[in-house]
Protein backbone atom coordinates (compact mmCIF):
# COMPACT_ATOMS: atom_id res chain seq x y z
CA MET A 1 7.01 14.49 14.72
CA SER A 2 5.61 12.66 17.72
CA PRO A 3 4.21 9.10 17.72
CA ARG A 4 0.48 8.80 17.21
CA THR A 5 -2.21 6.24 16.52
CA LEU A 6 -3.52 6.99 13.05
CA ILE A 7 -6.06 4.29 12.31
CA PRO A 8 -7.17 1.03 13.99
CA PRO A 9 -4.38 -1.55 13.65
CA ASP A 10 -6.67 -4.27 12.27
CA SER A 11 -8.17 -2.07 9.53
CA THR A 12 -7.38 -2.37 5.83
CA VAL A 13 -5.60 0.66 4.40
CA VAL A 14 -5.29 -0.55 0.79
CA LYS A 15 -7.47 -3.09 -0.99
CA ALA A 16 -7.13 -3.79 -4.71
CA VAL A 17 -9.91 -5.88 -6.24
CA ASP A 18 -9.48 -7.39 -9.74
CA LEU A 19 -7.47 -4.35 -10.79
CA VAL A 20 -6.88 -4.02 -14.56
CA LYS A 21 -5.04 -1.39 -16.57
CA ASP A 22 -4.94 -1.50 -20.37
CA TYR A 23 -2.93 0.69 -22.70
CA GLY A 24 -4.60 -0.08 -26.00
CA ALA A 25 -3.99 -3.76 -26.68
CA PHE A 26 -1.32 -4.01 -23.97
CA ARG A 27 -2.46 -5.11 -20.51
CA ALA A 28 -0.07 -3.71 -17.88
CA VAL A 29 -2.07 -4.91 -14.87
CA ASP A 30 -4.19 -8.03 -15.16
CA GLY A 31 -6.71 -8.74 -12.40
CA LEU A 32 -4.49 -7.78 -9.46
CA ASN A 33 -5.69 -8.38 -5.89
CA PHE A 34 -3.88 -7.51 -2.67
CA GLU A 35 -4.44 -5.96 0.77
CA LEU A 36 -2.31 -3.89 3.12
CA LYS A 37 -3.25 -3.61 6.79
CA ALA A 38 -2.70 -0.54 8.94
CA GLY A 39 0.79 -0.24 10.39
CA GLY A 40 2.39 -2.54 7.83
CA VAL A 41 5.30 -2.04 5.46
CA MET A 42 4.55 -3.83 2.22
CA GLY A 43 7.35 -4.68 -0.16
CA PHE A 44 5.81 -4.51 -3.63
CA LEU A 45 8.16 -6.46 -5.88
CA GLY A 46 8.48 -7.72 -9.44
CA PRO A 47 10.74 -7.57 -12.50
CA ASN A 48 10.83 -4.60 -14.87
CA GLY A 49 7.56 -4.43 -16.79
CA ALA A 50 5.63 -6.39 -14.16
CA GLY A 51 3.11 -3.58 -13.60
CA LYS A 52 4.46 -2.24 -10.30
CA SER A 53 4.71 1.44 -11.20
CA THR A 54 1.40 1.31 -13.07
CA THR A 55 -0.27 -0.11 -9.96
CA LEU A 56 1.25 2.54 -7.70
CA ARG A 57 0.21 5.30 -10.09
CA MET A 58 -3.36 4.00 -9.95
CA LEU A 59 -3.11 3.84 -6.18
CA VAL A 60 -2.36 7.56 -5.94
CA ASP A 61 -4.85 8.47 -8.72
CA LEU A 62 -2.30 9.58 -11.30
CA ILE A 63 -3.99 7.19 -13.73
CA ARG A 64 -7.35 5.45 -13.58
CA PRO A 65 -7.94 1.68 -13.70
CA SER A 66 -9.53 0.23 -16.81
CA ARG A 67 -11.49 -2.15 -14.58
CA GLY A 68 -11.58 -3.24 -10.97
CA GLU A 69 -11.80 -1.32 -7.72
CA LEU A 70 -9.41 0.41 -5.34
CA PHE A 71 -10.39 1.01 -1.74
CA LEU A 72 -8.24 3.12 0.56
CA PHE A 73 -9.09 3.50 4.25
CA GLY A 74 -12.30 1.64 3.43
CA LEU A 75 -13.33 4.29 0.89
CA ASN A 76 -13.79 4.03 -2.86
CA TYR A 77 -11.96 6.48 -5.14
CA ARG A 78 -15.10 6.91 -7.20
CA SER A 79 -16.94 8.69 -4.39
CA HIS A 80 -14.21 9.85 -1.93
CA ARG A 81 -11.27 10.97 -4.09
CA GLN A 82 -10.33 14.16 -2.20
CA GLN A 83 -10.78 12.54 1.19
CA ILE A 84 -8.45 9.69 0.20
CA LEU A 85 -5.76 11.84 -1.43
CA ALA A 86 -5.55 14.04 1.66
CA ARG A 87 -4.28 11.01 3.57
CA ILE A 88 -1.66 9.79 1.06
CA GLY A 89 1.90 10.93 0.52
CA CYS A 90 3.82 9.59 -2.45
CA LEU A 91 7.23 9.58 -4.04
CA ILE A 92 6.58 8.29 -7.55
CA GLU A 93 9.38 8.22 -10.12
CA LYS A 94 11.67 11.28 -10.25
CA PRO A 95 10.55 14.15 -7.97
CA ASP A 96 10.42 17.52 -9.71
CA PHE A 97 10.99 20.97 -8.22
CA TYR A 98 11.57 24.58 -9.22
CA LYS A 99 15.32 24.40 -9.81
CA TYR A 100 15.85 28.17 -9.51
CA LEU A 101 14.38 28.20 -5.99
CA SER A 102 16.01 26.93 -2.83
CA ALA A 103 15.03 23.61 -1.28
CA LEU A 104 13.26 25.42 1.55
CA GLN A 105 11.38 27.74 -0.81
CA ASN A 106 10.16 24.72 -2.79
CA LEU A 107 8.90 22.95 0.32
CA GLU A 108 7.24 26.09 1.68
CA LEU A 109 5.35 26.63 -1.58
CA LEU A 110 4.15 23.04 -1.61
CA ALA A 111 3.25 23.16 2.08
CA ARG A 112 1.09 26.25 1.56
CA ALA A 113 -0.60 24.63 -1.43
CA SER A 114 -1.39 21.60 0.75
CA GLY A 115 -2.87 23.78 3.50
CA VAL A 116 -0.14 22.97 6.02
CA LYS A 117 -0.16 25.13 9.14
CA GLU A 118 3.16 26.85 9.78
CA PRO A 119 4.63 25.82 6.42
CA ARG A 120 8.13 27.15 7.16
CA LEU A 121 8.41 25.30 10.46
CA ARG A 122 7.13 22.06 8.92
CA SER A 123 9.50 22.41 5.97
CA LEU A 124 12.53 22.94 8.22
CA GLU A 125 11.49 19.98 10.36
CA LEU A 126 11.37 17.71 7.33
CA MET A 127 14.62 19.04 5.86
CA ASP A 128 16.26 17.90 9.07
CA PHE A 129 14.45 14.53 9.01
CA VAL A 130 15.66 13.66 5.50
CA GLY A 131 19.25 14.75 6.22
CA LEU A 132 19.30 18.01 4.26
CA ASN A 133 19.79 20.37 7.17
CA GLY A 134 22.36 22.98 6.24
CA ARG A 135 21.27 22.90 2.58
CA GLU A 136 17.94 24.67 3.09
CA ASN A 137 18.95 27.81 1.20
CA ASP A 138 20.79 26.08 -1.65
CA LYS A 139 19.08 26.09 -5.04
CA VAL A 140 17.70 22.74 -6.13
CA SER A 141 19.71 23.11 -9.35
CA SER A 142 22.84 22.41 -7.27
CA PHE A 143 21.41 19.19 -5.79
CA SER A 144 22.55 15.73 -6.81
CA HIS A 145 19.96 13.16 -7.86
CA GLY A 146 20.20 11.51 -4.46
CA MET A 147 19.59 14.82 -2.68
CA ARG A 148 16.52 15.41 -4.83
CA GLN A 149 15.26 11.97 -3.76
CA ARG A 150 15.61 13.04 -0.14
CA LEU A 151 13.81 16.30 -0.89
CA GLY A 152 11.11 14.29 -2.65
CA LEU A 153 10.57 12.27 0.53
CA ALA A 154 10.27 15.49 2.51
CA GLN A 155 7.72 16.76 0.00
CA CYS A 156 5.53 13.68 0.30
CA LEU A 157 5.47 14.00 4.11
CA LEU A 158 4.51 17.68 4.27
CA HIS A 159 0.84 17.07 5.08
CA ASP A 160 1.60 14.25 7.54
CA PRO A 161 -0.09 11.45 5.53
CA ASP A 162 -1.34 8.17 6.97
CA LEU A 163 -0.18 6.12 3.94
CA VAL A 164 3.23 6.67 2.34
CA VAL A 165 3.75 5.23 -1.16
CA LEU A 166 7.38 4.99 -2.28
CA ASP A 167 8.39 3.93 -5.78
CA GLU A 168 12.15 3.24 -5.93
CA PRO A 169 13.09 5.73 -3.18
CA GLY A 170 16.70 4.50 -3.23
CA THR A 171 17.33 5.61 -6.82
CA GLY A 172 20.53 7.63 -7.03
CA LEU A 173 21.49 7.10 -3.40
CA ASP A 174 24.98 6.02 -2.39
CA PRO A 175 25.42 3.18 0.18
CA GLN A 176 25.16 5.59 3.13
CA GLY A 177 22.09 7.15 1.52
CA LEU A 178 20.45 3.73 1.27
CA ILE A 179 21.11 3.11 4.95
CA ASP A 180 19.67 6.52 5.80
CA MET A 181 16.57 5.84 3.66
CA ARG A 182 16.06 2.53 5.44
CA GLU A 183 16.26 4.24 8.84
CA MET A 184 13.81 6.92 7.73
CA ILE A 185 11.31 4.30 6.55
CA LEU A 186 11.64 2.43 9.84
CA ASN A 187 11.15 5.68 11.75
CA LEU A 188 8.05 6.58 9.72
CA ASN A 189 6.56 3.16 10.40
CA ARG A 190 7.62 2.34 13.95
CA GLU A 191 7.86 5.79 15.53
CA GLN A 192 5.23 7.71 13.58
CA GLY A 193 2.82 4.85 12.92
CA LYS A 194 2.58 5.30 9.17
CA THR A 195 1.57 2.54 6.79
CA ILE A 196 4.02 2.19 3.91
CA LEU A 197 3.88 0.64 0.45
CA LEU A 198 7.39 0.29 -0.93
CA SER A 199 8.51 -0.75 -4.41
CA SER A 200 12.25 -1.18 -4.83
CA HIS A 201 14.88 -3.21 -6.64
CA HIS A 202 17.13 -2.94 -3.57
CA LEU A 203 15.92 -6.25 -2.15
CA SER A 204 18.19 -6.20 0.88
CA GLU A 205 16.66 -2.86 1.88
CA VAL A 206 13.13 -4.19 1.39
CA GLU A 207 14.01 -7.23 3.48
CA ALA A 208 15.20 -4.98 6.32
CA VAL A 209 11.91 -3.08 6.61
CA ALA A 210 9.03 -5.10 5.12
CA THR A 211 6.38 -6.81 7.24
CA ASP A 212 4.49 -8.02 4.15
CA LEU A 213 5.36 -8.92 0.57
CA VAL A 214 3.54 -8.90 -2.74
CA VAL A 215 5.35 -10.20 -5.82
CA VAL A 216 3.83 -9.44 -9.23
CA ASP A 217 4.77 -10.60 -12.71
CA ARG A 218 3.13 -9.55 -15.97
CA GLY A 219 0.47 -7.65 -14.07
CA ARG A 220 -0.61 -10.57 -11.89
CA CYS A 221 0.03 -11.43 -8.26
CA VAL A 222 2.46 -14.34 -7.92
CA VAL A 223 2.41 -14.46 -4.12
CA GLN A 224 1.44 -12.33 -1.14
CA GLY A 225 1.72 -12.77 2.60
CA SER A 226 3.73 -11.83 5.66
CA ALA A 227 7.46 -11.49 5.02
CA LYS A 228 8.26 -13.66 8.03
CA ALA A 229 6.02 -16.51 6.89
CA LEU A 230 7.15 -16.43 3.26
CA LEU A 231 10.84 -16.40 4.16
CA SER A 232 10.60 -19.23 6.71
CA GLN A 233 9.23 -21.88 4.37
CA SER A 234 10.65 -25.41 4.53
CA GLU A 235 12.25 -25.03 1.09
CA ARG A 236 15.35 -22.92 1.54
CA GLN A 237 18.09 -21.54 -0.60
CA ILE A 238 21.36 -23.40 -0.11
CA ARG A 239 24.46 -21.49 -1.18
CA ILE A 240 27.32 -23.85 -2.03
CA THR A 241 30.87 -22.62 -2.43
CA VAL A 242 32.22 -25.11 -4.93
CA GLY A 243 35.11 -25.28 -7.37
CA ARG A 244 34.14 -24.93 -11.05
CA ALA A 245 30.68 -23.62 -10.16
CA THR A 246 29.45 -23.38 -13.76
CA GLU A 247 30.34 -27.03 -14.45
CA ALA A 248 28.75 -28.06 -11.15
CA LEU A 249 25.52 -26.31 -12.12
CA THR A 250 25.48 -28.08 -15.49
CA LEU A 251 25.91 -31.44 -13.75
CA LEU A 252 23.15 -30.75 -11.22
CA ASN A 253 20.75 -29.60 -13.92
CA ALA A 254 21.41 -32.80 -15.86
CA GLY A 255 20.78 -34.93 -12.78
CA PRO A 256 18.11 -35.32 -10.11
CA TRP A 257 18.02 -31.57 -9.32
CA ALA A 258 17.27 -30.40 -12.86
CA GLY A 259 16.17 -26.77 -12.84
CA GLY A 260 16.76 -26.39 -9.10
CA GLY A 261 20.06 -24.54 -9.25
CA ARG A 262 21.37 -21.25 -10.54
CA LEU A 263 24.38 -18.99 -10.32
CA ASN A 264 23.80 -15.71 -8.52
CA ASP A 265 25.34 -12.43 -9.65
CA ARG A 266 28.51 -13.28 -7.73
CA GLY A 267 28.96 -16.57 -9.59
CA GLU A 268 27.98 -18.65 -6.55
CA LEU A 269 25.91 -21.81 -6.87
CA THR A 270 22.51 -21.63 -5.14
CA MET A 271 19.83 -24.32 -5.00
CA ALA A 272 16.26 -24.50 -3.71
CA LEU A 273 16.33 -27.57 -1.47
CA GLY A 274 14.54 -29.09 1.47
CA ARG A 275 16.79 -29.56 4.49
CA GLU A 276 16.84 -33.33 4.07
CA GLU A 277 18.16 -33.03 0.49
CA VAL A 278 21.34 -31.12 1.36
CA PRO A 279 23.60 -34.09 2.26
CA ALA A 280 22.63 -35.96 -0.91
CA ALA A 281 23.36 -32.94 -3.12
CA VAL A 282 26.78 -32.41 -1.55
CA GLN A 283 27.61 -36.11 -1.86
CA PHE A 284 26.53 -36.03 -5.51
CA LEU A 285 28.94 -33.18 -6.21
CA THR A 286 31.92 -34.70 -4.37
CA GLN A 287 31.41 -38.11 -5.97
CA ASN A 288 31.61 -36.41 -9.35
CA GLY A 289 34.94 -34.78 -8.60
CA PHE A 290 33.89 -31.32 -7.36
CA GLU A 291 35.46 -29.75 -4.29
CA VAL A 292 32.83 -28.34 -1.91
CA TYR A 293 34.35 -25.66 0.33
CA ALA A 294 31.34 -24.32 2.23
CA ILE A 295 27.57 -24.66 2.56
CA GLU A 296 25.26 -21.93 3.80
CA SER A 297 21.55 -22.44 4.38
CA ARG A 298 19.71 -19.19 3.93
CA GLN A 299 16.39 -17.77 2.92
CA LYS A 300 17.19 -14.23 1.97
CA LEU A 301 14.62 -12.21 0.08
CA GLU A 302 16.85 -12.02 -3.01
CA ASP A 303 17.04 -15.81 -3.27
CA TYR A 304 13.38 -16.36 -2.46
CA TYR A 305 12.35 -13.74 -5.02
CA MET A 306 14.53 -15.10 -7.83
CA ASN A 307 13.48 -18.70 -7.17
CA LEU A 308 9.82 -17.70 -7.09
CA LEU A 309 10.01 -15.85 -10.40
CA ASN A 310 11.99 -18.65 -12.04
CA HIS A 311 9.33 -21.17 -11.05
CA HIS A 312 6.53 -18.85 -12.14
CA GLN A 313 8.07 -18.22 -15.56
CA THR A 314 8.69 -21.95 -16.04
CA GLU A 315 5.04 -22.74 -15.29
CA ARG A 316 3.62 -20.13 -17.71
């Protein structure tokens, strides 16, 4: 799999315009707009029920929009469906295979159906790429869920697509598997020049690979932009190691920083603060009898994402 230039780097690979998807009276996607440029890795984020999977399924033509337009590679699905699909590879939800066949037999069948030249050679190449070498002749019925995810990635790459769409590719993977998936995504993007749209709840993994971010909530875009720009804003997340963190949070929320703090899943106090506010917040805590042990200024994706959604839900 040698490096290659697929499409002009300044071109738009994905463009969603006022995208809407209704299921009866329920609106899953509500006027969504976003763009992904060639060569980018877009982290497509949002809480459960935000419309992420629905959007990705529309993107790969598994379902049709109720309204709005989707353009891929500058082409409209309405008039260029086959041309577009030939350039997309996707891993959407749980990949499915013939369980009574071996992994290699499954890939070969799919490769032939996709018109791949030398299907056996291409299948073996991808088995090695996704870390399943040595398991080629094992039946899929013997594979763990994580191994099937790896095989699903191999499947979506069989026809060497320009755009790779991944919906929760880390599902079922152990910590080493997550690291391997991250390295594979980086290889696909940096070495093979593929454009990638990635939806995942593993925010640390998204942070490690994404060049761009889109955050959606209730079918609408909350924010979009370059990952670097969004994570280097002046307002940062300050993590404070403090005794009696729950009481400290209650005090802060009753004072001048009402609504600005939260406890993360490790029980640590985090606050969205400007740099100049940090000394005052620490002084406020110490003056009220709390022991402050450490302060860390950070703008990790997890903190940015949670703060963004909290603000958005408060404003609704």
